[in-house]
Amino acid sequence: MALPDPLARDALSARPAHPWGWGGICLWRAIAAGLLVCMVLAACATLLFIRATIRTQILAALEDRDGNTALILVTAPYGNLRTRPLTDLHVLAGDKALELWALPAGGSPRSLGLLAPGGGLLKIEPGSLDGVPAVAVSLEPPGGSPNGRPSGPVILLGRTQQL
């Protein structure tokens, strides 16, 4: 029995790799090009998403009867309204609920929801403050206004401004 020739085995392993095989350069160039296309598409989609979420912010500074600013409202993305009290709203509210109202020009007040006295985010319909010149906060029974209109006294009032 003849021993295998080690030089013949090396000659077989030294043959050039197929360009589309694991050792071929064409496969790796195609993979790199595909990944580059995916990264460019992801970057474009991200920029389009960010541009779509940037909207005009609406700001309102609500004042009490003495003219002191008591609450700041700023629209946030995704239909949220950020509330930041500058005074202790727990004292103003007592055992009542604080309800925020949109005051459209020439229309009846529209409830935007109940405010947390400590501030935070309030979920509102996107665009519900567009074209609304003023907002108000009234004291309502726990759970909010029973009739869909302000039933308690208005304790805070402010004009909206677009930024």
Protein backbone atom coordinates (compact mmCIF):
# COMPACT_ATOMS: atom_id res chain seq x y z
CA MET A 1 0.00 0.00 0.00
CA ALA A 2 1.38 3.33 -0.98
CA LEU A 3 1.51 6.22 1.42
CA PRO A 4 -0.34 9.35 0.37
CA ASP A 5 1.87 11.98 -1.04
CA PRO A 6 1.88 15.00 1.37
CA LEU A 7 2.73 17.34 -1.50
CA ALA A 8 -0.35 16.22 -3.44
CA ARG A 9 -2.61 16.96 -0.47
CA ASP A 10 -1.11 20.44 -0.10
CA ALA A 11 -1.64 21.05 -3.80
CA LEU A 12 -5.34 20.25 -3.41
CA SER A 13 -5.76 22.53 -0.41
CA ALA A 14 -3.89 25.37 -2.10
CA ARG A 15 -6.35 25.65 -4.96
CA PRO A 16 -8.06 29.06 -5.15
CA ALA A 17 -11.25 29.47 -3.15
CA HIS A 18 -14.49 29.81 -5.04
CA PRO A 19 -15.40 33.56 -5.12
CA TRP A 20 -18.88 32.89 -3.69
CA GLY A 21 -17.75 30.35 -1.05
CA TRP A 22 -16.96 31.08 2.58
CA GLY A 23 -13.40 31.91 1.71
CA GLY A 24 -14.30 33.95 -1.39
CA ILE A 25 -14.22 37.70 -1.46
CA CYS A 26 -17.45 38.15 -3.44
CA LEU A 27 -19.58 36.71 -0.63
CA TRP A 28 -18.07 39.02 1.98
CA ARG A 29 -18.36 42.08 -0.25
CA ALA A 30 -22.03 41.30 -0.87
CA ILE A 31 -22.66 40.90 2.87
CA ALA A 32 -20.89 44.21 3.61
CA ALA A 33 -22.88 46.00 0.88
CA GLY A 34 -26.15 44.57 2.23
CA LEU A 35 -25.33 45.71 5.76
CA LEU A 36 -24.43 49.18 4.48
CA VAL A 37 -27.78 49.45 2.69
CA CYS A 38 -29.60 48.36 5.88
CA MET A 39 -27.76 50.96 7.97
CA VAL A 40 -28.55 53.76 5.49
CA LEU A 41 -32.24 52.76 5.40
CA ALA A 42 -32.37 52.63 9.22
CA ALA A 43 -30.78 56.09 9.47
CA CYS A 44 -33.25 57.56 6.96
CA ALA A 45 -36.22 55.97 8.73
CA THR A 46 -35.02 57.32 12.08
CA LEU A 47 -34.65 60.84 10.70
CA LEU A 48 -38.11 60.72 9.12
CA PHE A 49 -39.61 59.44 12.39
CA ILE A 50 -37.94 62.20 14.43
CA ARG A 51 -39.08 64.84 11.96
CA ALA A 52 -42.66 63.55 12.09
CA THR A 53 -42.78 63.70 15.91
CA ILE A 54 -41.43 67.25 16.16
CA ARG A 55 -44.47 69.45 16.29
CA THR A 56 -45.22 72.92 17.41
CA GLN A 57 -45.32 73.00 21.18
CA ILE A 58 -48.06 74.84 22.95
CA LEU A 59 -47.30 76.52 26.23
CA ALA A 60 -49.67 77.95 28.80
CA ALA A 61 -48.94 79.68 32.10
CA LEU A 62 -52.03 79.52 34.31
CA GLU A 63 -52.44 82.18 36.95
CA ASP A 64 -54.52 82.28 40.12
CA ARG A 65 -56.88 85.15 41.00
CA ASP A 66 -53.99 87.16 42.45
CA GLY A 67 -52.05 87.02 39.17
CA ASN A 68 -49.42 84.56 40.43
CA THR A 69 -48.37 81.86 37.99
CA ALA A 70 -49.44 78.59 39.56
CA LEU A 71 -49.20 76.02 36.75
CA ILE A 72 -47.21 75.60 33.54
CA LEU A 73 -48.54 73.42 30.71
CA VAL A 74 -46.41 72.27 27.77
CA THR A 75 -47.50 69.87 25.05
CA ALA A 76 -45.28 66.81 24.76
CA PRO A 77 -45.04 64.25 21.96
CA TYR A 78 -47.59 61.47 21.47
CA GLY A 79 -50.60 63.39 22.79
CA ASN A 80 -49.24 64.14 26.24
CA LEU A 81 -49.50 67.35 28.18
CA ARG A 82 -46.75 68.00 30.72
CA THR A 83 -47.99 69.81 33.83
CA ARG A 84 -45.67 71.56 36.27
CA PRO A 85 -47.19 73.21 39.30
CA LEU A 86 -45.35 76.22 40.71
CA THR A 87 -47.49 76.37 43.85
CA ASP A 88 -48.92 73.67 46.06
CA LEU A 89 -52.03 72.59 44.19
CA HIS A 90 -52.94 70.18 47.03
CA VAL A 91 -53.84 73.22 49.11
CA LEU A 92 -55.96 74.70 46.32
CA ALA A 93 -57.71 71.41 45.58
CA GLY A 94 -58.45 70.23 49.11
CA ASP A 95 -60.79 67.24 48.72
CA LYS A 96 -61.85 68.30 45.19
CA ALA A 97 -60.52 67.25 41.79
CA LEU A 98 -58.64 69.65 39.51
CA GLU A 99 -60.10 69.51 36.00
CA LEU A 100 -58.39 71.13 33.02
CA TRP A 101 -60.58 72.81 30.40
CA ALA A 102 -59.87 74.02 26.87
CA LEU A 103 -61.62 77.32 26.22
CA PRO A 104 -62.10 77.59 22.45
CA ALA A 105 -62.96 80.97 20.99
CA GLY A 106 -66.72 81.20 20.68
CA GLY A 107 -67.31 77.67 21.92
CA SER A 108 -68.18 75.91 25.14
CA PRO A 109 -65.43 74.62 27.46
CA ARG A 110 -64.08 71.17 26.63
CA SER A 111 -62.61 68.93 29.32
CA LEU A 112 -59.03 67.81 28.80
CA GLY A 113 -58.93 65.62 31.89
CA LEU A 114 -58.14 65.61 35.59
CA LEU A 115 -54.84 67.04 36.78
CA ALA A 116 -52.63 65.44 39.37
CA PRO A 117 -51.86 68.12 42.00
CA GLY A 118 -48.20 67.09 41.95
CA GLY A 119 -47.88 67.50 38.19
CA GLY A 120 -46.81 64.97 35.56
CA LEU A 121 -48.17 63.87 32.20
CA LEU A 122 -51.79 64.12 31.16
CA LYS A 123 -52.90 62.09 28.14
CA ILE A 124 -54.88 64.29 25.74
CA GLU A 125 -56.01 63.87 22.16
CA PRO A 126 -53.29 65.08 19.77
CA GLY A 127 -54.19 68.52 18.45
CA SER A 128 -56.84 69.17 21.09
CA LEU A 129 -55.14 72.47 22.01
CA ASP A 130 -54.65 73.63 18.40
CA GLY A 131 -56.42 76.94 17.93
CA VAL A 132 -57.50 77.11 21.59
CA PRO A 133 -56.69 80.58 22.94
CA ALA A 134 -57.08 79.82 26.65
CA VAL A 135 -57.24 77.03 29.24
CA ALA A 136 -58.65 76.94 32.75
CA VAL A 137 -58.65 74.71 35.83
CA SER A 138 -61.76 74.30 37.92
CA LEU A 139 -62.50 72.58 41.21
CA GLU A 140 -64.80 69.62 40.61
CA PRO A 141 -66.21 66.75 42.65
CA PRO A 142 -63.92 63.71 42.90
CA GLY A 143 -63.96 62.00 39.51
CA GLY A 144 -64.53 65.21 37.56
CA SER A 145 -67.42 67.31 36.38
CA PRO A 146 -70.73 65.46 36.53
CA ASN A 147 -72.25 67.29 33.57
CA GLY A 148 -69.35 67.78 31.12
CA ARG A 149 -69.08 71.50 31.88
CA PRO A 150 -67.25 73.30 34.68
CA SER A 151 -69.50 72.97 37.72
CA GLY A 152 -67.12 74.34 40.33
CA PRO A 153 -65.21 77.59 40.58
CA VAL A 154 -62.43 78.35 38.10
CA ILE A 155 -59.26 78.73 40.13
CA LEU A 156 -56.61 79.01 37.40
CA LEU A 157 -56.77 80.67 33.99
CA GLY A 158 -54.19 81.20 31.25
CA ARG A 159 -53.68 81.95 27.58
CA THR A 160 -51.96 79.48 25.26
CA GLN A 161 -48.96 80.36 23.12
CA GLN A 162 -47.41 78.40 20.27
CA LEU A 163 -43.66 77.95 20.37
